[in-house]
Amino acid sequence: MTQPRPDLVGMEMWGGVELEKTIVNSILNMGYESPSEIQVESIPWQLNGRDVVAQAVTGSGKTAAFGIPMCNIVDPKSQDVQGLVLVPTRELAQQVQRELSLIGRDRGVGVVAVYGGEPIAKQIRALQKGMSIVVGTPGRLKDLMNRRILDLGYVRFAVLDEADEMLDIGFADDMEFILKRTPSTRQTSLFSATIPGFIRGLIRRYLDDPRWIQLVSHSNGIETVAEVDQIFYDVASQDKADGILEILDDVNDDSQVLIFRKMQVGVDRLAKGLAGEGFAIKGLHGGMSQSERNRVMDSFRDGSLKMLVATNLAARGLDIPAISHVINYDMPENIEEYVHRIGRTARMGKRGTAVSFIGEWDFELHEQIVAKIGEDKMIRRKFSFY
């Protein structure tokens, strides 16, 4: 494992908090000149050893909000796993691992991501080298623990990232199994866009007098990013194919577009249809092999692929600031999922556009969104063929 550079050892101020100079060097190189609101509110408490519950909209900079204190706290010279991050999906595990690796790079902090869909042997070899931080999905983490490969008995700092999503996917029992096998003295942070009943129970059982940080509307309990223009079209199911062409024809060539469909077969059909119309587009869903998913994700992340159509599950964890448009070709199941989807654009203060197709069966959800978010945030438009 690389050792910290001698010229970077020491303490330095960043955004009003004192950090290892190696950490400050890394985050400045990443472009974090000053902390975001969630970082300002949560980092000092975590550095002081306090448990934190942070409720904030997606795209607020939460990975660095827990990654900076975690990389600052762990001992890179130890071979024990001291930092643990639970995430709902493979893609989010990869994204968090990348960001934490960059934050802790100059301090010599090793970070490994473990998740299903790829050979476990490679992840076992990485763990056996001695990693300070493990980022993983609950299912793969539990598997490695049952194999006696992963020992969480020395964890000092645990994070539940997108806790509500882990609950939605069905990881409730696995989350508790894992937390019960970490030291009761650990420090714990929980980040979630919403705080449903089970999450509140989890907080009561596993967090010690946490500091609550709520960067959402207190009246509605949910809030979308202000920088997103939310546009709605009433459209019959048979006319959606014409509607998407009209939308995409107005999008600049250098824009990145993320389109949501409900089913895997819908992803494949839409990607094939739009490719036939001359658009450079790929599909992304759980039915693809991990290597295929990685290739598509990498090309979308580096900007060589401008359009992606995906299911909800596949798109979780996409943290790509360049995404300018999110299109709900199929509406989500609930308001919380709507907020997660449109939060894929307008990352870190940039402006973005969210377009939603309201079909015959979507009026009830649409009314709920209007009631929760407000009529003033809705931009209603009509297609030229109506």
Protein backbone atom coordinates (compact mmCIF):
# COMPACT_ATOMS: atom_id res chain seq x y z
CA MET A 1 0.00 0.00 0.00
CA THR A 2 1.36 3.45 -0.89
CA GLN A 3 2.50 5.66 1.97
CA PRO A 4 1.48 9.32 2.32
CA ARG A 5 3.87 11.75 0.65
CA PRO A 6 6.05 13.44 3.32
CA ASP A 7 5.35 16.91 1.92
CA LEU A 8 1.60 16.39 2.45
CA VAL A 9 1.65 15.17 6.06
CA GLY A 10 0.04 17.55 8.57
CA MET A 11 -3.27 19.35 9.04
CA GLU A 12 -4.92 21.98 6.91
CA MET A 13 -8.24 23.84 6.83
CA TRP A 14 -10.87 23.21 4.13
CA GLY A 15 -14.28 24.80 4.23
CA GLY A 16 -13.94 25.61 7.91
CA VAL A 17 -12.89 22.13 9.04
CA GLU A 18 -9.42 20.79 9.84
CA LEU A 19 -8.37 17.75 7.81
CA GLU A 20 -5.24 15.80 7.03
CA LYS A 21 -3.31 17.81 4.46
CA THR A 22 -3.25 14.73 2.22
CA ILE A 23 -7.07 14.71 2.18
CA VAL A 24 -7.28 18.43 1.40
CA ASN A 25 -4.83 17.97 -1.46
CA SER A 26 -6.94 15.16 -2.91
CA ILE A 27 -10.31 16.91 -2.69
CA LEU A 28 -8.93 20.11 -4.19
CA ASN A 29 -7.58 18.06 -7.10
CA MET A 30 -11.09 16.61 -7.48
CA GLY A 31 -12.52 20.12 -7.87
CA TYR A 32 -14.02 20.51 -4.39
CA GLU A 33 -12.93 24.12 -3.87
CA SER A 34 -15.58 24.58 -1.18
CA PRO A 35 -18.05 22.20 0.52
CA SER A 36 -21.68 21.77 -0.55
CA GLU A 37 -24.51 22.34 1.92
CA ILE A 38 -24.74 18.70 2.99
CA GLN A 39 -20.96 18.62 3.45
CA VAL A 40 -20.98 21.81 5.55
CA GLU A 41 -23.75 20.43 7.75
CA SER A 42 -22.47 16.87 8.24
CA ILE A 43 -18.66 16.71 8.01
CA PRO A 44 -17.83 18.56 11.28
CA TRP A 45 -20.16 16.29 13.30
CA GLN A 46 -18.65 13.15 11.79
CA LEU A 47 -15.10 14.37 12.40
CA ASN A 48 -16.10 14.88 16.04
CA GLY A 49 -17.28 11.27 16.30
CA ARG A 50 -21.02 11.95 16.22
CA ASP A 51 -23.50 9.65 14.47
CA VAL A 52 -25.37 11.44 11.69
CA VAL A 53 -28.71 11.00 9.90
CA ALA A 54 -28.74 13.08 6.72
CA GLN A 55 -31.89 13.50 4.65
CA ALA A 56 -31.14 15.36 1.43
CA VAL A 57 -32.08 15.34 -2.23
CA THR A 58 -29.92 13.31 -4.57
CA GLY A 59 -27.06 15.13 -6.29
CA SER A 60 -26.13 17.11 -3.17
CA GLY A 61 -22.58 15.77 -2.76
CA LYS A 62 -23.33 13.17 -0.10
CA THR A 63 -20.59 10.70 -1.12
CA ALA A 64 -17.90 13.21 -0.22
CA ALA A 65 -19.95 14.19 2.85
CA PHE A 66 -19.20 10.81 4.42
CA GLY A 67 -16.12 9.93 2.33
CA ILE A 68 -14.01 12.86 3.52
CA PRO A 69 -14.38 12.15 7.27
CA MET A 70 -14.08 8.38 6.73
CA CYS A 71 -10.83 8.70 4.76
CA ASN A 72 -9.59 11.18 7.36
CA ILE A 73 -10.36 8.86 10.29
CA VAL A 74 -9.17 5.40 9.17
CA ASP A 75 -5.56 4.29 9.67
CA PRO A 76 -4.10 3.42 6.23
CA LYS A 77 -1.27 1.42 7.83
CA SER A 78 -3.67 -1.09 9.38
CA GLN A 79 -4.63 -4.27 7.51
CA ASP A 80 -8.08 -4.31 9.16
CA VAL A 81 -11.31 -3.10 7.56
CA GLN A 82 -12.14 0.10 9.46
CA GLY A 83 -14.62 1.77 7.11
CA LEU A 84 -17.80 0.14 5.77
CA VAL A 85 -20.26 1.60 3.26
CA LEU A 86 -23.51 -0.26 2.45
CA VAL A 87 -25.12 0.66 -0.89
CA PRO A 88 -28.14 -0.74 -2.79
CA THR A 89 -26.64 -1.44 -6.23
CA ARG A 90 -23.51 -2.54 -8.08
CA GLU A 91 -23.31 0.74 -9.97
CA LEU A 92 -23.46 2.81 -6.80
CA ALA A 93 -20.81 0.58 -5.19
CA GLN A 94 -18.50 1.27 -8.14
CA GLN A 95 -19.17 5.01 -8.06
CA VAL A 96 -18.62 5.33 -4.29
CA GLN A 97 -15.44 3.23 -4.49
CA ARG A 98 -14.04 5.51 -7.20
CA GLU A 99 -14.75 8.69 -5.26
CA LEU A 100 -13.44 7.39 -1.93
CA SER A 101 -10.30 6.11 -3.66
CA LEU A 102 -9.64 9.59 -5.03
CA ILE A 103 -10.30 11.24 -1.66
CA GLY A 104 -8.00 8.87 0.22
CA ARG A 105 -5.37 8.39 -2.50
CA ASP A 106 -2.65 10.69 -1.16
CA ARG A 107 -3.14 9.33 2.35
CA GLY A 108 -2.71 5.74 1.14
CA VAL A 109 -6.27 4.64 1.97
CA GLY A 110 -7.20 1.41 0.17
CA VAL A 111 -10.84 1.09 -0.94
CA VAL A 112 -12.47 -2.00 -2.48
CA ALA A 113 -15.98 -2.45 -3.89
CA VAL A 114 -17.73 -5.82 -3.46
CA TYR A 115 -20.98 -6.69 -5.25
CA GLY A 116 -22.71 -9.50 -7.09
CA GLY A 117 -22.54 -10.08 -10.81
CA GLU A 118 -18.76 -10.40 -10.96
CA PRO A 119 -16.49 -13.27 -9.84
CA ILE A 120 -16.08 -13.23 -6.09
CA ALA A 121 -12.45 -14.45 -6.33
CA LYS A 122 -11.21 -11.07 -7.59
CA GLN A 123 -12.89 -9.28 -4.69
CA ILE A 124 -11.49 -11.82 -2.21
CA ARG A 125 -7.95 -11.19 -3.50
CA ALA A 126 -8.41 -7.43 -3.03
CA LEU A 127 -9.65 -7.92 0.54
CA GLN A 128 -6.72 -10.20 1.36
CA LYS A 129 -4.30 -7.41 0.43
CA GLY A 130 -5.69 -5.40 3.35
CA MET A 131 -8.16 -2.63 2.59
CA SER A 132 -9.08 0.21 4.93
CA ILE A 133 -12.58 0.70 3.47
CA VAL A 134 -15.07 -1.76 1.96
CA VAL A 135 -17.99 -0.50 -0.14
CA GLY A 136 -20.57 -3.16 -0.94
CA THR A 137 -24.07 -4.35 -1.56
CA PRO A 138 -25.59 -6.18 1.44
CA GLY A 139 -25.94 -9.51 -0.36
CA ARG A 140 -22.28 -9.76 -1.38
CA LEU A 141 -21.09 -8.43 1.98
CA LYS A 142 -23.11 -11.11 3.78
CA ASP A 143 -21.73 -13.78 1.44
CA LEU A 144 -18.13 -12.76 2.17
CA MET A 145 -18.84 -12.71 5.90
CA ASN A 146 -20.35 -16.20 5.80
CA ARG A 147 -17.25 -17.43 3.95
CA ARG A 148 -15.14 -15.91 6.78
CA ILE A 149 -13.31 -13.74 4.26
CA LEU A 150 -14.63 -10.44 5.58
CA ASP A 151 -14.19 -9.57 9.26
CA LEU A 152 -16.10 -6.47 10.37
CA GLY A 153 -14.93 -6.70 13.98
CA TYR A 154 -12.63 -3.68 13.60
CA VAL A 155 -15.01 -1.31 11.82
CA ARG A 156 -14.75 2.20 13.22
CA PHE A 157 -17.04 4.03 10.77
CA ALA A 158 -20.11 2.57 9.03
CA VAL A 159 -22.31 4.31 6.46
CA LEU A 160 -25.73 3.34 5.11
CA ASP A 161 -25.94 5.12 1.74
CA GLU A 162 -29.36 5.48 0.07
CA ALA A 163 -30.87 3.52 2.93
CA ASP A 164 -34.41 3.86 1.60
CA GLU A 165 -33.36 2.28 -1.70
CA MET A 166 -31.82 -0.69 0.12
CA LEU A 167 -35.13 -1.13 1.92
CA ASP A 168 -37.10 -0.96 -1.36
CA ILE A 169 -34.91 -3.64 -2.96
CA GLY A 170 -35.45 -5.98 -0.01
CA PHE A 171 -32.16 -5.73 1.89
CA ALA A 172 -33.72 -5.03 5.31
CA ASP A 173 -32.67 -8.33 6.91
CA ASP A 174 -29.20 -8.24 5.36
CA MET A 175 -28.62 -4.68 6.60
CA GLU A 176 -29.38 -5.75 10.15
CA PHE A 177 -27.31 -8.95 9.85
CA ILE A 178 -24.28 -6.86 8.83
CA LEU A 179 -24.68 -4.08 11.42
CA LYS A 180 -25.05 -6.61 14.25
CA ARG A 181 -21.58 -7.94 13.41
CA THR A 182 -19.81 -4.60 13.68
CA PRO A 183 -18.59 -3.17 17.00
CA SER A 184 -21.22 -1.34 19.06
CA THR A 185 -18.63 1.42 19.53
CA ARG A 186 -18.51 2.19 15.79
CA GLN A 187 -19.55 5.57 14.43
CA THR A 188 -22.52 5.36 12.03
CA SER A 189 -23.90 7.71 9.39
CA LEU A 190 -27.12 7.18 7.42
CA PHE A 191 -27.89 9.04 4.19
CA SER A 192 -31.33 8.81 2.62
CA ALA A 193 -33.66 10.89 0.43
CA THR A 194 -36.65 9.71 2.49
CA ILE A 195 -36.98 8.32 6.03
CA PRO A 196 -39.77 5.68 6.04
CA GLY A 197 -40.81 3.81 9.17
CA PHE A 198 -38.34 0.93 8.89
CA ILE A 199 -35.44 3.35 8.48
CA ARG A 200 -36.52 5.17 11.65
CA GLY A 201 -36.51 1.84 13.47
CA LEU A 202 -33.03 1.10 12.12
CA ILE A 203 -31.84 4.49 13.35
CA ARG A 204 -33.22 3.83 16.85
CA ARG A 205 -31.53 0.41 17.02
CA TYR A 206 -28.13 1.14 15.49
CA LEU A 207 -27.35 4.86 15.78
CA ASP A 208 -26.34 6.53 19.04
CA ASP A 209 -27.98 9.92 19.59
CA PRO A 210 -27.50 10.95 15.96
CA ARG A 211 -27.34 14.50 14.70
CA TRP A 212 -30.27 14.96 12.28
CA ILE A 213 -29.63 16.97 9.13
CA GLN A 214 -32.71 17.53 6.98
CA LEU A 215 -32.14 19.47 3.77
CA VAL A 216 -35.69 18.90 2.52
CA SER A 217 -39.01 20.72 2.75
CA HIS A 218 -40.39 20.38 6.27
CA SER A 219 -43.95 20.94 5.07
CA ASN A 220 -43.93 18.34 2.33
CA GLY A 221 -41.20 16.00 3.56
CA ILE A 222 -39.85 15.77 0.04
CA GLU A 223 -38.20 18.21 -2.31
CA THR A 224 -36.78 18.15 -5.80
CA VAL A 225 -33.65 19.95 -6.91
CA ALA A 226 -34.51 23.58 -7.65
CA GLU A 227 -32.27 23.65 -10.72
CA VAL A 228 -34.39 21.06 -12.55
CA ASP A 229 -37.00 22.27 -15.05
CA GLN A 230 -39.86 19.75 -14.68
CA ILE A 231 -41.79 19.40 -17.97
CA PHE A 232 -44.92 17.24 -18.36
CA TYR A 233 -46.67 15.96 -21.49
CA ASP A 234 -50.02 14.17 -21.59
CA VAL A 235 -49.51 11.39 -24.13
CA ALA A 236 -51.27 8.15 -25.06
CA SER A 237 -49.17 4.99 -24.87
CA GLN A 238 -49.25 4.48 -28.65
CA ASP A 239 -47.92 8.01 -29.21
CA LYS A 240 -44.91 7.86 -26.88
CA ALA A 241 -42.59 6.73 -29.70
CA ASP A 242 -43.45 9.86 -31.70
CA GLY A 243 -43.17 11.98 -28.58
CA ILE A 244 -39.65 10.85 -27.72
CA LEU A 245 -38.49 11.66 -31.24
CA GLU A 246 -39.92 15.17 -30.94
CA ILE A 247 -38.14 15.66 -27.61
CA LEU A 248 -34.78 14.30 -28.78
CA ASP A 249 -34.84 16.37 -31.99
CA ASP A 250 -34.75 19.49 -29.79
CA VAL A 251 -31.85 18.30 -27.62
CA ASN A 252 -28.38 19.67 -28.40
CA ASP A 253 -25.95 17.16 -29.88
CA ASP A 254 -23.49 17.60 -26.99
CA SER A 255 -26.13 16.94 -24.30
CA GLN A 256 -26.29 13.70 -22.31
CA VAL A 257 -29.74 12.15 -21.98
CA LEU A 258 -30.96 9.44 -19.58
CA ILE A 259 -34.30 7.79 -20.46
CA PHE A 260 -36.21 5.63 -17.97
CA ARG A 261 -38.32 2.62 -18.85
CA LYS A 262 -40.08 0.28 -16.43
CA MET A 263 -39.23 -3.11 -17.93
CA GLN A 264 -36.08 -4.69 -19.38
CA VAL A 265 -37.88 -5.58 -22.60
CA GLY A 266 -39.00 -1.96 -22.88
CA VAL A 267 -35.39 -0.80 -22.57
CA ASP A 268 -34.30 -3.12 -25.37
CA ARG A 269 -37.17 -2.12 -27.67
CA LEU A 270 -36.71 1.62 -27.20
CA ALA A 271 -32.91 1.47 -27.57
CA LYS A 272 -33.26 -0.56 -30.77
CA GLY A 273 -35.96 1.74 -32.14
CA LEU A 274 -34.03 4.95 -31.47
CA ALA A 275 -30.82 3.43 -32.83
CA GLY A 276 -32.77 2.68 -36.00
CA GLU A 277 -33.66 6.38 -36.19
CA GLY A 278 -29.98 7.28 -36.14
CA PHE A 279 -29.45 8.07 -32.46
CA ALA A 280 -26.28 6.83 -30.75
CA ILE A 281 -27.95 5.13 -27.79
CA LYS A 282 -27.48 2.04 -25.61
CA GLY A 283 -29.65 0.19 -23.12
CA LEU A 284 -28.84 -0.70 -19.51
CA HIS A 285 -30.71 -3.21 -17.32
CA GLY A 286 -30.21 -6.04 -14.86
CA GLY A 287 -30.60 -8.72 -17.53
CA MET A 288 -27.28 -7.76 -19.09
CA SER A 289 -23.98 -9.31 -18.01
CA GLN A 290 -21.84 -7.26 -15.65
CA SER A 291 -19.17 -6.81 -18.34
CA GLU A 292 -21.80 -5.45 -20.75
CA ARG A 293 -23.15 -3.11 -18.08
CA ASN A 294 -19.65 -1.89 -17.27
CA ARG A 295 -18.91 -1.13 -20.93
CA VAL A 296 -22.12 0.86 -21.32
CA MET A 297 -21.65 2.67 -18.01
CA ASP A 298 -18.04 3.55 -18.80
CA SER A 299 -18.93 4.98 -22.21
CA PHE A 300 -21.80 7.02 -20.76
CA ARG A 301 -19.63 8.20 -17.87
CA ASP A 302 -16.75 9.35 -20.12
CA GLY A 303 -19.18 11.13 -22.45
CA SER A 304 -18.53 9.05 -25.57
CA LEU A 305 -22.12 7.75 -25.31
CA LYS A 306 -24.66 10.59 -25.24
CA MET A 307 -27.93 8.71 -24.75
CA LEU A 308 -28.83 5.89 -22.38
CA VAL A 309 -32.16 4.15 -21.76
CA ALA A 310 -32.32 2.23 -18.49
CA THR A 311 -34.49 0.68 -15.81
CA ASN A 312 -34.70 2.21 -12.33
CA LEU A 313 -32.40 -0.36 -10.76
CA ALA A 314 -29.69 -0.04 -13.39
CA ALA A 315 -29.66 3.75 -13.20
CA ARG A 316 -29.24 3.99 -9.42
CA GLY A 317 -25.76 5.14 -8.58
CA LEU A 318 -25.30 7.09 -11.81
CA ASP A 319 -23.46 10.20 -10.64
CA ILE A 320 -22.62 11.94 -13.91
CA PRO A 321 -22.69 15.75 -13.69
CA ALA A 322 -22.94 16.10 -17.49
CA ILE A 323 -26.46 14.58 -17.69
CA SER A 324 -28.59 17.46 -18.97
CA HIS A 325 -31.90 15.66 -19.56
CA VAL A 326 -33.82 12.93 -17.74
CA ILE A 327 -36.86 11.56 -19.58
CA ASN A 328 -39.52 9.50 -17.83
CA TYR A 329 -40.76 7.52 -20.85
CA ASP A 330 -42.53 5.31 -18.29
CA MET A 331 -43.50 7.01 -15.05
CA PRO A 332 -42.16 5.55 -11.78
CA GLU A 333 -44.21 3.77 -9.12
CA ASN A 334 -44.16 6.55 -6.51
CA ILE A 335 -43.08 10.09 -5.70
CA GLU A 336 -39.84 9.06 -4.01
CA GLU A 337 -38.72 7.23 -7.15
CA TYR A 338 -39.64 10.28 -9.24
CA VAL A 339 -37.36 12.43 -7.06
CA HIS A 340 -34.51 9.93 -7.38
CA ARG A 341 -34.89 9.81 -11.15
CA ILE A 342 -34.94 13.53 -11.86
CA GLY A 343 -32.07 13.96 -9.41
CA ARG A 344 -29.82 12.27 -11.98
CA THR A 345 -29.65 15.69 -13.68
CA ALA A 346 -28.77 19.11 -12.22
CA ARG A 347 -25.92 17.59 -10.20
CA MET A 348 -23.99 19.84 -7.84
CA GLY A 349 -25.86 23.02 -8.76
CA LYS A 350 -25.95 22.66 -12.54
CA ARG A 351 -29.23 23.22 -14.38
CA GLY A 352 -31.09 20.28 -15.85
CA THR A 353 -34.31 19.26 -17.55
CA ALA A 354 -36.70 16.46 -16.54
CA VAL A 355 -39.38 15.43 -19.06
CA SER A 356 -42.22 13.14 -18.00
CA PHE A 357 -44.76 11.38 -20.21
CA ILE A 358 -48.13 11.18 -18.42
CA GLY A 359 -49.98 8.20 -19.83
CA GLU A 360 -53.48 6.86 -19.27
CA TRP A 361 -52.56 5.14 -16.00
CA ASP A 362 -50.34 7.90 -14.55
CA PHE A 363 -52.84 10.59 -13.58
CA GLU A 364 -53.07 9.54 -9.92
CA LEU A 365 -49.30 9.68 -9.47
CA HIS A 366 -49.15 12.96 -11.36
CA GLU A 367 -51.72 14.47 -9.00
CA GLN A 368 -49.69 13.27 -6.02
CA ILE A 369 -46.54 14.86 -7.44
CA VAL A 370 -48.35 18.15 -8.01
CA ALA A 371 -49.76 18.06 -4.47
CA LYS A 372 -46.40 17.29 -2.90
CA ILE A 373 -44.06 19.40 -5.01
CA GLY A 374 -46.32 22.27 -6.06
CA GLU A 375 -48.09 23.40 -9.21
CA ASP A 376 -45.59 26.24 -9.62
CA LYS A 377 -42.79 23.74 -10.38
CA MET A 378 -44.75 22.06 -13.20
CA ILE A 379 -44.21 23.10 -16.82
CA ARG A 380 -47.03 21.72 -18.99
CA ARG A 381 -46.51 21.28 -22.73
CA LYS A 382 -48.27 19.64 -25.69
CA PHE A 383 -46.81 17.64 -28.53
CA SER A 384 -47.17 19.07 -32.04
CA PHE A 385 -49.20 16.05 -33.18
CA TYR A 386 -52.04 16.79 -30.70
